[in-house]
PDB file of N, CA and C in Angstrom:
ATOM      1  N   MET A   1      39.087 -38.434 -27.991  1.00  0.00           N
ATOM      2  CA  MET A   1      38.867 -39.804 -27.547  1.00  0.00           C
ATOM      3  C   MET A   1      37.970 -40.555 -28.527  1.00  0.00           C
ATOM      4  N   GLU A   2      36.917 -39.888 -28.980  1.00  0.00           N
ATOM      5  CA  GLU A   2      36.011 -40.531 -29.942  1.00  0.00           C
ATOM      6  C   GLU A   2      36.735 -40.864 -31.233  1.00  0.00           C
ATOM      7  N   LYS A   3      37.636 -39.968 -31.634  1.00  0.00           N
ATOM      8  CA  LYS A   3      38.395 -40.187 -32.868  1.00  0.00           C
ATOM      9  C   LYS A   3      39.264 -41.439 -32.751  1.00  0.00           C
ATOM     10  N   ILE A   4      39.898 -41.634 -31.608  1.00  0.00           N
ATOM     11  CA  ILE A   4      40.735 -42.815 -31.383  1.00  0.00           C
ATOM     12  C   ILE A   4      39.875 -44.078 -31.414  1.00  0.00           C
ATOM     13  N   LEU A   5      38.700 -44.040 -30.788  1.00  0.00           N
ATOM     14  CA  LEU A   5      37.794 -45.192 -30.793  1.00  0.00           C
ATOM     15  C   LEU A   5      37.321 -45.516 -32.208  1.00  0.00           C
ATOM     16  N   MET A   6      36.991 -44.506 -32.972  1.00  0.00           N
ATOM     17  CA  MET A   6      36.532 -44.719 -34.348  1.00  0.00           C
ATOM     18  C   MET A   6      37.641 -45.298 -35.207  1.00  0.00           C
ATOM     19  N   GLU A   7      38.882 -44.819 -35.025  1.00  0.00           N
ATOM     20  CA  GLU A   7      40.010 -45.357 -35.785  1.00  0.00           C
ATOM     21  C   GLU A   7      40.273 -46.808 -35.395  1.00  0.00           C
ATOM     22  N   THR A   8      40.218 -47.089 -34.118  1.00  0.00           N
ATOM     23  CA  THR A   8      40.418 -48.458 -33.635  1.00  0.00           C
ATOM     24  C   THR A   8      39.329 -49.375 -34.187  1.00  0.00           C
ATOM     25  N   TYR A   9      38.099 -48.883 -34.151  1.00  0.00           N
ATOM     26  CA  TYR A   9      36.958 -49.645 -34.665  1.00  0.00           C
ATOM     27  C   TYR A   9      37.116 -49.907 -36.168  1.00  0.00           C
ATOM     28  N   SER A  10      37.548 -48.893 -36.912  1.00  0.00           N
ATOM     29  CA  SER A  10      37.687 -49.040 -38.357  1.00  0.00           C
ATOM     30  C   SER A  10      38.833 -49.983 -38.718  1.00  0.00           C
ATOM     31  N   ILE A  11      39.798 -50.136 -37.860  1.00  0.00           N
ATOM     32  CA  ILE A  11      40.903 -51.072 -38.099  1.00  0.00           C
ATOM     33  C   ILE A  11      40.524 -52.477 -37.620  1.00  0.00           C
ATOM     34  N   ALA A  12      39.907 -52.553 -36.460  1.00  0.00           N
ATOM     35  CA  ALA A  12      39.597 -53.855 -35.852  1.00  0.00           C
ATOM     36  C   ALA A  12      38.471 -54.585 -36.576  1.00  0.00           C
ATOM     37  N   LEU A  13      37.482 -53.863 -37.047  1.00  0.00           N
ATOM     38  CA  LEU A  13      36.327 -54.509 -37.674  1.00  0.00           C
ATOM     39  C   LEU A  13      36.719 -55.364 -38.890  1.00  0.00           C
ATOM     40  N   PRO A  14      37.492 -54.864 -39.841  1.00  0.00           N
ATOM     41  CA  PRO A  14      37.887 -55.722 -40.974  1.00  0.00           C
ATOM     42  C   PRO A  14      38.685 -56.950 -40.548  1.00  0.00           C
ATOM     43  N   ILE A  15      39.524 -56.790 -39.540  1.00  0.00           N
ATOM     44  CA  ILE A  15      40.316 -57.927 -39.055  1.00  0.00           C
ATOM     45  C   ILE A  15      39.407 -58.993 -38.463  1.00  0.00           C
ATOM     46  N   VAL A  16      38.469 -58.574 -37.643  1.00  0.00           N
ATOM     47  CA  VAL A  16      37.530 -59.507 -37.016  1.00  0.00           C
ATOM     48  C   VAL A  16      36.660 -60.174 -38.079  1.00  0.00           C
ATOM     49  N   LEU A  17      36.158 -59.406 -39.031  1.00  0.00           N
ATOM     50  CA  LEU A  17      35.320 -59.976 -40.094  1.00  0.00           C
ATOM     51  C   LEU A  17      36.089 -60.964 -40.957  1.00  0.00           C
ATOM     52  N   THR A  18      37.340 -60.651 -41.261  1.00  0.00           N
ATOM     53  CA  THR A  18      38.174 -61.566 -42.050  1.00  0.00           C
ATOM     54  C   THR A  18      38.391 -62.875 -41.303  1.00  0.00           C
ATOM     55  N   ALA A  19      38.686 -62.779 -40.014  1.00  0.00           N
ATOM     56  CA  ALA A  19      38.887 -63.991 -39.209  1.00  0.00           C
ATOM     57  C   ALA A  19      37.594 -64.803 -39.138  1.00  0.00           C
ATOM     58  N   LEU A  20      36.470 -64.128 -38.964  1.00  0.00           N
ATOM     59  CA  LEU A  20      35.182 -64.808 -38.892  1.00  0.00           C
ATOM     60  C   LEU A  20      34.853 -65.513 -40.206  1.00  0.00           C
ATOM     61  N   MET A  21      35.099 -64.828 -41.313  1.00  0.00           N
ATOM     62  CA  MET A  21      34.839 -65.436 -42.626  1.00  0.00           C
ATOM     63  C   MET A  21      35.749 -66.646 -42.852  1.00  0.00           C
ATOM     64  N   GLY A  22      36.998 -66.545 -42.434  1.00  0.00           N
ATOM     65  CA  GLY A  22      37.919 -67.676 -42.555  1.00  0.00           C
ATOM     66  C   GLY A  22      37.431 -68.882 -41.772  1.00  0.00           C
ATOM     67  N   TYR A  23      36.925 -68.634 -40.575  1.00  0.00           N
ATOM     68  CA  TYR A  23      36.404 -69.713 -39.737  1.00  0.00           C
ATOM     69  C   TYR A  23      35.175 -70.349 -40.376  1.00  0.00           C
ATOM     70  N   ILE A  24      34.293 -69.539 -40.923  1.00  0.00           N
ATOM     71  CA  ILE A  24      33.082 -70.055 -41.577  1.00  0.00           C
ATOM     72  C   ILE A  24      33.459 -70.905 -42.788  1.00  0.00           C
ATOM     73  N   VAL A  25      34.407 -70.446 -43.588  1.00  0.00           N
ATOM     74  CA  VAL A  25      34.855 -71.220 -44.749  1.00  0.00           C
ATOM     75  C   VAL A  25      35.440 -72.551 -44.296  1.00  0.00           C
ATOM     76  N   TRP A  26      36.246 -72.536 -43.231  1.00  0.00           N
ATOM     77  CA  TRP A  26      36.829 -73.775 -42.706  1.00  0.00           C
ATOM     78  C   TRP A  26      35.732 -74.752 -42.263  1.00  0.00           C
ATOM     79  N   LEU A  27      34.715 -74.234 -41.555  1.00  0.00           N
ATOM     80  CA  LEU A  27      33.608 -75.091 -41.120  1.00  0.00           C
ATOM     81  C   LEU A  27      32.866 -75.704 -42.308  1.00  0.00           C
ATOM     82  N   LEU A  28      32.601 -74.901 -43.324  1.00  0.00           N
ATOM     83  CA  LEU A  28      31.886 -75.403 -44.504  1.00  0.00           C
ATOM     84  C   LEU A  28      32.692 -76.470 -45.229  1.00  0.00           C
ATOM     85  N   LYS A  29      34.003 -76.278 -45.346  1.00  0.00           N
ATOM     86  CA  LYS A  29      34.851 -77.294 -45.996  1.00  0.00           C
ATOM     87  C   LYS A  29      34.854 -78.590 -45.199  1.00  0.00           C
ATOM     88  N   LYS A  30      34.898 -78.466 -43.868  1.00  0.00           N
ATOM     89  CA  LYS A  30      34.878 -79.661 -43.008  1.00  0.00           C
ATOM     90  C   LYS A  30      33.552 -80.409 -43.163  1.00  0.00           C
ATOM     91  N   GLN A  31      32.450 -79.667 -43.184  1.00  0.00           N
ATOM     92  CA  GLN A  31      31.141 -80.303 -43.359  1.00  0.00           C
ATOM     93  C   GLN A  31      31.048 -80.997 -44.710  1.00  0.00           C
ATOM     94  N   LYS A  32      31.573 -80.370 -45.764  1.00  0.00           N
ATOM     95  CA  LYS A  32      31.544 -80.988 -47.094  1.00  0.00           C
ATOM     96  C   LYS A  32      32.370 -82.275 -47.106  1.00  0.00           C
ATOM     97  N   LYS A  33      33.529 -82.235 -46.472  1.00  0.00           N
ATOM     98  CA  LYS A  33      34.376 -83.427 -46.402  1.00  0.00           C
ATOM     99  C   LYS A  33      33.644 -84.564 -45.683  1.00  0.00           C
ATOM    100  N   ASP A  34      32.966 -84.233 -44.577  1.00  0.00           N
ATOM    101  CA  ASP A  34      32.206 -85.241 -43.832  1.00  0.00           C
ATOM    102  C   ASP A  34      31.058 -85.799 -44.672  1.00  0.00           C
ATOM    103  N   ARG A  35      30.332 -84.908 -45.384  1.00  0.00           N
ATOM    104  CA  ARG A  35      29.230 -85.359 -46.246  1.00  0.00           C
ATOM    105  C   ARG A  35      29.743 -86.249 -47.365  1.00  0.00           C
ATOM    106  N   ASP A  36      30.872 -85.865 -47.952  1.00  0.00           N
ATOM    107  CA  ASP A  36      31.445 -86.679 -49.028  1.00  0.00           C
ATOM    108  C   ASP A  36      31.814 -88.074 -48.522  1.00  0.00           C
ATOM    109  N   ALA A  37      32.398 -88.139 -47.337  1.00  0.00           N
ATOM    110  CA  ALA A  37      32.774 -89.433 -46.756  1.00  0.00           C
ATOM    111  C   ALA A  37      31.526 -90.270 -46.475  1.00  0.00           C
ATOM    112  N   ASN A  38      30.480 -89.644 -45.958  1.00  0.00           N
ATOM    113  CA  ASN A  38      29.230 -90.370 -45.691  1.00  0.00           C
ATOM    114  C   ASN A  38      28.601 -90.872 -46.980  1.00  0.00           C
ATOM    115  N   SER A  39      28.608 -90.054 -48.005  1.00  0.00           N
ATOM    116  CA  SER A  39      28.047 -90.464 -49.293  1.00  0.00           C
ATOM    117  C   SER A  39      28.831 -91.631 -49.880  1.00  0.00           C
ATOM    118  N   LYS A  40      30.143 -91.555 -49.806  1.00  0.00           N
ATOM    119  CA  LYS A  40      30.988 -92.632 -50.331  1.00  0.00           C
ATOM    120  C   LYS A  40      30.725 -93.930 -49.562  1.00  0.00           C
ATOM    121  N   GLY A  41      30.652 -93.840 -48.251  1.00  0.00           N
ATOM    122  CA  GLY A  41      30.383 -95.029 -47.443  1.00  0.00           C
ATOM    123  C   GLY A  41      29.019 -95.626 -47.741  1.00  0.00           C
ATOM    124  N   THR A  42      28.018 -94.777 -47.876  1.00  0.00           N
ATOM    125  CA  THR A  42      26.669 -95.242 -48.215  1.00  0.00           C
ATOM    126  C   THR A  42      26.670 -95.922 -49.574  1.00  0.00           C
ATOM    127  N   MET A  43      27.357 -95.312 -50.534  1.00  0.00           N
ATOM    128  CA  MET A  43      27.423 -95.891 -51.872  1.00  0.00           C
ATOM    129  C   MET A  43      28.087 -97.270 -51.844  1.00  0.00           C
ATOM    130  N   LEU A  44      29.149 -97.411 -51.085  1.00  0.00           N
ATOM    131  CA  LEU A  44      29.836 -98.702 -51.005  1.00  0.00           C
ATOM    132  C   LEU A  44      28.965 -99.770 -50.336  1.00  0.00           C
ATOM    133  N   LEU A  45      28.244 -99.396 -49.284  1.00  0.00           N
ATOM    134  CA  LEU A  45      27.342-100.344 -48.629  1.00  0.00           C
ATOM    135  C   LEU A  45      26.214-100.774 -49.572  1.00  0.00           C
ATOM    136  N   LEU A  46      25.681 -99.826 -50.322  1.00  0.00           N
ATOM    137  CA  LEU A  46      24.641-100.165 -51.301  1.00  0.00           C
ATOM    138  C   LEU A  46      25.194-101.114 -52.360  1.00  0.00           C
ATOM    139  N   ARG A  47      26.415-100.853 -52.825  1.00  0.00           N
ATOM    140  CA  ARG A  47      27.008-101.722 -53.842  1.00  0.00           C
ATOM    141  C   ARG A  47      27.151-103.156 -53.335  1.00  0.00           C
ATOM    142  N   VAL A  48      27.600-103.305 -52.097  1.00  0.00           N
ATOM    143  CA  VAL A  48      27.734-104.646 -51.513  1.00  0.00           C
ATOM    144  C   VAL A  48      26.379-105.354 -51.495  1.00  0.00           C
ATOM    145  N   GLN A  49      25.346-104.640 -51.046  1.00  0.00           N
ATOM    146  CA  GLN A  49      24.017-105.251 -50.963  1.00  0.00           C
ATOM    147  C   GLN A  49      23.468-105.578 -52.349  1.00  0.00           C
ATOM    148  N   LEU A  50      23.678-104.691 -53.306  1.00  0.00           N
ATOM    149  CA  LEU A  50      23.206-104.946 -54.672  1.00  0.00           C
ATOM    150  C   LEU A  50      23.885-106.176 -55.267  1.00  0.00           C
ATOM    151  N   ILE A  51      25.173-106.317 -55.022  1.00  0.00           N
ATOM    152  CA  ILE A  51      25.907-107.493 -55.518  1.00  0.00           C
ATOM    153  C   ILE A  51      25.378-108.762 -54.860  1.00  0.00           C
ATOM    154  N   GLU A  52      25.116-108.699 -53.559  1.00  0.00           N
ATOM    155  CA  GLU A  52      24.574-109.873 -52.862  1.00  0.00           C
ATOM    156  C   GLU A  52      23.207-110.264 -53.419  1.00  0.00           C
ATOM    157  N   TYR A  53      22.335-109.287 -53.629  1.00  0.00           N
ATOM    158  CA  TYR A  53      21.021-109.569 -54.229  1.00  0.00           C
ATOM    159  C   TYR A  53      21.203-110.196 -55.604  1.00  0.00           C
ATOM    160  N   HIS A  54      22.054-109.599 -56.408  1.00  0.00           N
ATOM    161  CA  HIS A  54      22.272-110.099 -57.770  1.00  0.00           C
ATOM    162  C   HIS A  54      22.737-111.549 -57.741  1.00  0.00           C
ATOM    163  N   ASP A  55      23.768-111.818 -56.937  1.00  0.00           N
ATOM    164  CA  ASP A  55      24.311-113.173 -56.880  1.00  0.00           C
ATOM    165  C   ASP A  55      23.261-114.176 -56.407  1.00  0.00           C
ATOM    166  N   LYS A  56      22.550-113.828 -55.367  1.00  0.00           N
ATOM    167  CA  LYS A  56      21.548-114.737 -54.799  1.00  0.00           C
ATOM    168  C   LYS A  56      20.445-115.063 -55.802  1.00  0.00           C
ATOM    169  N   TYR A  57      19.864-114.024 -56.409  1.00  0.00           N
ATOM    170  CA  TYR A  57      18.686-114.254 -57.241  1.00  0.00           C
ATOM    171  C   TYR A  57      19.020-114.729 -58.653  1.00  0.00           C
ATOM    172  N   THR A  58      20.205-114.433 -59.139  1.00  0.00           N
ATOM    173  CA  THR A  58      20.561-115.016 -60.447  1.00  0.00           C
ATOM    174  C   THR A  58      20.823-116.507 -60.301  1.00  0.00           C
ATOM    175  N   ILE A  59      21.367-116.923 -59.170  1.00  0.00           N
ATOM    176  CA  ILE A  59      21.555-118.360 -58.927  1.00  0.00           C
ATOM    177  C   ILE A  59      20.199-119.050 -58.819  1.00  0.00           C
ATOM    178  N   LEU A  60      19.252-118.410 -58.113  1.00  0.00           N
ATOM    179  CA  LEU A  60      17.911-118.986 -57.977  1.00  0.00           C
ATOM    180  C   LEU A  60      17.129-118.963 -59.288  1.00  0.00           C
ATOM    181  N   GLY A  61      17.449-118.012 -60.144  1.00  0.00           N
ATOM    182  CA  GLY A  61      16.756-117.915 -61.427  1.00  0.00           C
ATOM    183  C   GLY A  61      15.478-117.102 -61.394  1.00  0.00           C
ATOM    184  N   SER A  62      15.132-116.554 -60.241  1.00  0.00           N
ATOM    185  CA  SER A  62      13.957-115.685 -60.127  1.00  0.00           C
ATOM    186  C   SER A  62      14.142-114.779 -58.923  1.00  0.00           C
ATOM    187  N   ILE A  63      13.309-113.741 -58.879  1.00  0.00           N
ATOM    188  CA  ILE A  63      13.388-112.788 -57.778  1.00  0.00           C
ATOM    189  C   ILE A  63      11.975-112.419 -57.348  1.00  0.00           C
ATOM    190  N   PRO A  64      11.686-112.498 -56.047  1.00  0.00           N
ATOM    191  CA  PRO A  64      10.350-112.097 -55.571  1.00  0.00           C
ATOM    192  C   PRO A  64      10.132-110.590 -55.780  1.00  0.00           C
ATOM    193  N   SER A  65       8.883-110.201 -55.871  1.00  0.00           N
ATOM    194  CA  SER A  65       8.561-108.794 -56.126  1.00  0.00           C
ATOM    195  C   SER A  65       9.117-107.863 -55.052  1.00  0.00           C
ATOM    196  N   TYR A  66       9.022-108.265 -53.776  1.00  0.00           N
ATOM    197  CA  TYR A  66       9.538-107.399 -52.702  1.00  0.00           C
ATOM    198  C   TYR A  66      11.039-107.189 -52.830  1.00  0.00           C
ATOM    199  N   ALA A  67      11.749-108.246 -53.203  1.00  0.00           N
ATOM    200  CA  ALA A  67      13.200-108.148 -53.364  1.00  0.00           C
ATOM    201  C   ALA A  67      13.544-107.312 -54.596  1.00  0.00           C
ATOM    202  N   TYR A  68      12.736-107.456 -55.642  1.00  0.00           N
ATOM    203  CA  TYR A  68      12.952-106.658 -56.847  1.00  0.00           C
ATOM    204  C   TYR A  68      12.755-105.172 -56.542  1.00  0.00           C
ATOM    205  N   GLU A  69      11.710-104.841 -55.780  1.00  0.00           N
ATOM    206  CA  GLU A  69      11.470-103.446 -55.401  1.00  0.00           C
ATOM    207  C   GLU A  69      12.628-102.906 -54.566  1.00  0.00           C
ATOM    208  N   ASN A  70      13.095-103.707 -53.611  1.00  0.00           N
ATOM    209  CA  ASN A  70      14.246-103.295 -52.798  1.00  0.00           C
ATOM    210  C   ASN A  70      15.464-103.049 -53.675  1.00  0.00           C
ATOM    211  N   PHE A  71      15.723-103.982 -54.594  1.00  0.00           N
ATOM    212  CA  PHE A  71      16.867-103.850 -55.483  1.00  0.00           C
ATOM    213  C   PHE A  71      16.768-102.554 -56.286  1.00  0.00           C
ATOM    214  N   CYS A  72      15.599-102.283 -56.851  1.00  0.00           N
ATOM    215  CA  CYS A  72      15.412-101.080 -57.669  1.00  0.00           C
ATOM    216  C   CYS A  72      15.611 -99.806 -56.859  1.00  0.00           C
ATOM    217  N   GLU A  73      15.077 -99.775 -55.644  1.00  0.00           N
ATOM    218  CA  GLU A  73      15.243 -98.594 -54.796  1.00  0.00           C
ATOM    219  C   GLU A  73      16.704 -98.400 -54.388  1.00  0.00           C
ATOM    220  N   MET A  74      17.384 -99.492 -54.063  1.00  0.00           N
ATOM    221  CA  MET A  74      18.796 -99.393 -53.723  1.00  0.00           C
ATOM    222  C   MET A  74      19.604 -98.931 -54.936  1.00  0.00           C
ATOM    223  N   TYR A  75      19.260 -99.471 -56.110  1.00  0.00           N
ATOM    224  CA  TYR A  75      19.964 -99.080 -57.324  1.00  0.00           C
ATOM    225  C   TYR A  75      19.784 -97.593 -57.609  1.00  0.00           C
ATOM    226  N   GLU A  76      18.569 -97.076 -57.449  1.00  0.00           N
ATOM    227  CA  GLU A  76      18.318 -95.643 -57.673  1.00  0.00           C
ATOM    228  C   GLU A  76      19.155 -94.796 -56.726  1.00  0.00           C
ATOM    229  N   ALA A  77      19.178 -95.173 -55.443  1.00  0.00           N
ATOM    230  CA  ALA A  77      19.977 -94.425 -54.464  1.00  0.00           C
ATOM    231  C   ALA A  77      21.461 -94.512 -54.815  1.00  0.00           C
ATOM    232  N   TYR A  78      21.910 -95.700 -55.193  1.00  0.00           N
ATOM    233  CA  TYR A  78      23.306 -95.913 -55.579  1.00  0.00           C
ATOM    234  C   TYR A  78      23.658 -95.039 -56.781  1.00  0.00           C
ATOM    235  N   HIS A  79      22.794 -95.027 -57.759  1.00  0.00           N
ATOM    236  CA  HIS A  79      23.032 -94.247 -58.970  1.00  0.00           C
ATOM    237  C   HIS A  79      23.037 -92.743 -58.660  1.00  0.00           C
ATOM    238  N   GLU A  80      22.130 -92.280 -57.800  1.00  0.00           N
ATOM    239  CA  GLU A  80      22.083 -90.864 -57.424  1.00  0.00           C
ATOM    240  C   GLU A  80      23.333 -90.432 -56.661  1.00  0.00           C
ATOM    241  N   LEU A  81      23.964 -91.362 -55.960  1.00  0.00           N
ATOM    242  CA  LEU A  81      25.207 -91.058 -55.253  1.00  0.00           C
ATOM    243  C   LEU A  81      26.415 -91.063 -56.181  1.00  0.00           C
ATOM    244  N   GLY A  82      26.188 -91.426 -57.450  1.00  0.00           N
ATOM    245  CA  GLY A  82      27.277 -91.391 -58.419  1.00  0.00           C
ATOM    246  C   GLY A  82      27.797 -92.749 -58.833  1.00  0.00           C
ATOM    247  N   GLY A  83      27.233 -93.804 -58.292  1.00  0.00           N
ATOM    248  CA  GLY A  83      27.684 -95.144 -58.656  1.00  0.00           C
ATOM    249  C   GLY A  83      27.063 -95.608 -59.958  1.00  0.00           C
ATOM    250  N   ASN A  84      27.781 -96.396 -60.688  1.00  0.00           N
ATOM    251  CA  ASN A  84      27.253 -97.020 -61.909  1.00  0.00           C
ATOM    252  C   ASN A  84      28.177 -98.168 -62.300  1.00  0.00           C
ATOM    253  N   GLY A  85      28.512 -98.295 -63.559  1.00  0.00           N
ATOM    254  CA  GLY A  85      29.442 -99.337 -63.971  1.00  0.00           C
ATOM    255  C   GLY A  85      28.830-100.717 -63.954  1.00  0.00           C
ATOM    256  N   MET A  86      29.500-101.636 -63.272  1.00  0.00           N
ATOM    257  CA  MET A  86      29.085-103.040 -63.291  1.00  0.00           C
ATOM    258  C   MET A  86      27.699-103.234 -62.681  1.00  0.00           C
ATOM    259  N   ILE A  87      27.300-102.371 -61.776  1.00  0.00           N
ATOM    260  CA  ILE A  87      25.992-102.514 -61.132  1.00  0.00           C
ATOM    261  C   ILE A  87      24.871-102.283 -62.139  1.00  0.00           C
ATOM    262  N   THR A  88      25.097-101.447 -63.124  1.00  0.00           N
ATOM    263  CA  THR A  88      24.084-101.220 -64.165  1.00  0.00           C
ATOM    264  C   THR A  88      23.822-102.511 -64.930  1.00  0.00           C
ATOM    265  N   LYS A  89      24.881-103.234 -65.241  1.00  0.00           N
ATOM    266  CA  LYS A  89      24.731-104.529 -65.927  1.00  0.00           C
ATOM    267  C   LYS A  89      23.974-105.504 -65.020  1.00  0.00           C
ATOM    268  N   MET A  90      24.278-105.517 -63.761  1.00  0.00           N
ATOM    269  CA  MET A  90      23.581-106.391 -62.816  1.00  0.00           C
ATOM    270  C   MET A  90      22.100-106.019 -62.740  1.00  0.00           C
ATOM    271  N   LYS A  91      21.801-104.725 -62.764  1.00  0.00           N
ATOM    272  CA  LYS A  91      20.404-104.269 -62.748  1.00  0.00           C
ATOM    273  C   LYS A  91      19.666-104.798 -63.965  1.00  0.00           C
ATOM    274  N   GLU A  92      20.300-104.756 -65.122  1.00  0.00           N
ATOM    275  CA  GLU A  92      19.672-105.280 -66.344  1.00  0.00           C
ATOM    276  C   GLU A  92      19.382-106.779 -66.205  1.00  0.00           C
ATOM    277  N   GLU A  93      20.302-107.514 -65.608  1.00  0.00           N
ATOM    278  CA  GLU A  93      20.101-108.954 -65.406  1.00  0.00           C
ATOM    279  C   GLU A  93      18.970-109.215 -64.413  1.00  0.00           C
ATOM    280  N   ILE A  94      18.883-108.419 -63.362  1.00  0.00           N
ATOM    281  CA  ILE A  94      17.792-108.557 -62.388  1.00  0.00           C
ATOM    282  C   ILE A  94      16.461-108.215 -63.050  1.00  0.00           C
ATOM    283  N   ASP A  95      16.447-107.181 -63.905  1.00  0.00           N
ATOM    284  CA  ASP A  95      15.227-106.827 -64.634  1.00  0.00           C
ATOM    285  C   ASP A  95      14.749-107.993 -65.489  1.00  0.00           C
ATOM    286  N   GLU A  96      15.678-108.679 -66.134  1.00  0.00           N
ATOM    287  CA  GLU A  96      15.310-109.843 -66.956  1.00  0.00           C
ATOM    288  C   GLU A  96      14.723-110.955 -66.101  1.00  0.00           C
ATOM    289  N   LEU A  97      15.299-111.201 -64.943  1.00  0.00           N
ATOM    290  CA  LEU A  97      14.759-112.220 -64.028  1.00  0.00           C
ATOM    291  C   LEU A  97      13.327-111.864 -63.651  1.00  0.00           C
ATOM    292  N   HIS A  98      13.107-110.610 -63.311  1.00  0.00           N
ATOM    293  CA  HIS A  98      11.784-110.171 -62.870  1.00  0.00           C
ATOM    294  C   HIS A  98      10.777-110.307 -64.009  1.00  0.00           C
ATOM    295  N   LEU A  99      11.174-109.951 -65.211  1.00  0.00           N
ATOM    296  CA  LEU A  99      10.262-110.066 -66.345  1.00  0.00           C
ATOM    297  C   LEU A  99       9.953-111.518 -66.677  1.00  0.00           C
ATOM    298  N   LYS A 100      10.957-112.406 -66.571  1.00  0.00           N
ATOM    299  CA  LYS A 100      10.742-113.838 -66.834  1.00  0.00           C
ATOM    300  C   LYS A 100       9.694-114.393 -65.892  1.00  0.00           C
ATOM    301  N   LYS A 101       9.796-114.031 -64.624  1.00  0.00           N
ATOM    302  CA  LYS A 101       8.858-114.577 -63.634  1.00  0.00           C
ATOM    303  C   LYS A 101       7.431-114.108 -63.928  1.00  0.00           C
ATOM    304  N   LYS A 102       7.266-112.839 -64.333  1.00  0.00           N
ATOM    305  CA  LYS A 102       5.928-112.335 -64.657  1.00  0.00           C
ATOM    306  C   LYS A 102       5.345-113.050 -65.850  1.00  0.00           C
ATOM    307  N   GLY A 103       6.157-113.246 -66.888  1.00  0.00           N
ATOM    308  CA  GLY A 103       5.669-113.853 -68.136  1.00  0.00           C
ATOM    309  C   GLY A 103       5.461-115.301 -67.937  1.00  0.00           C
TER     310      GLY A 103
END
């Protein structure tokens, strides 16, 4: 009887472990997909806000310090999420506005 139990155990254990590992891999892939979607959405929202700041303050010709700090922090977060391109040029233009006001 013990021999039958040991054989059953030796057959069942790898099957159960394989199924468990498959489930864990599926969960991790799902979590990564969700994180990627959240990161993409956050990046897009930051881009919209950065463009709005850029448009508003370049038209005004100056930017208050609090708005400049917000812009810089949003830009850093945007850049860390993988965004760049046209926003980098906008950041340079905002930097020039901020420097003009100081000088």
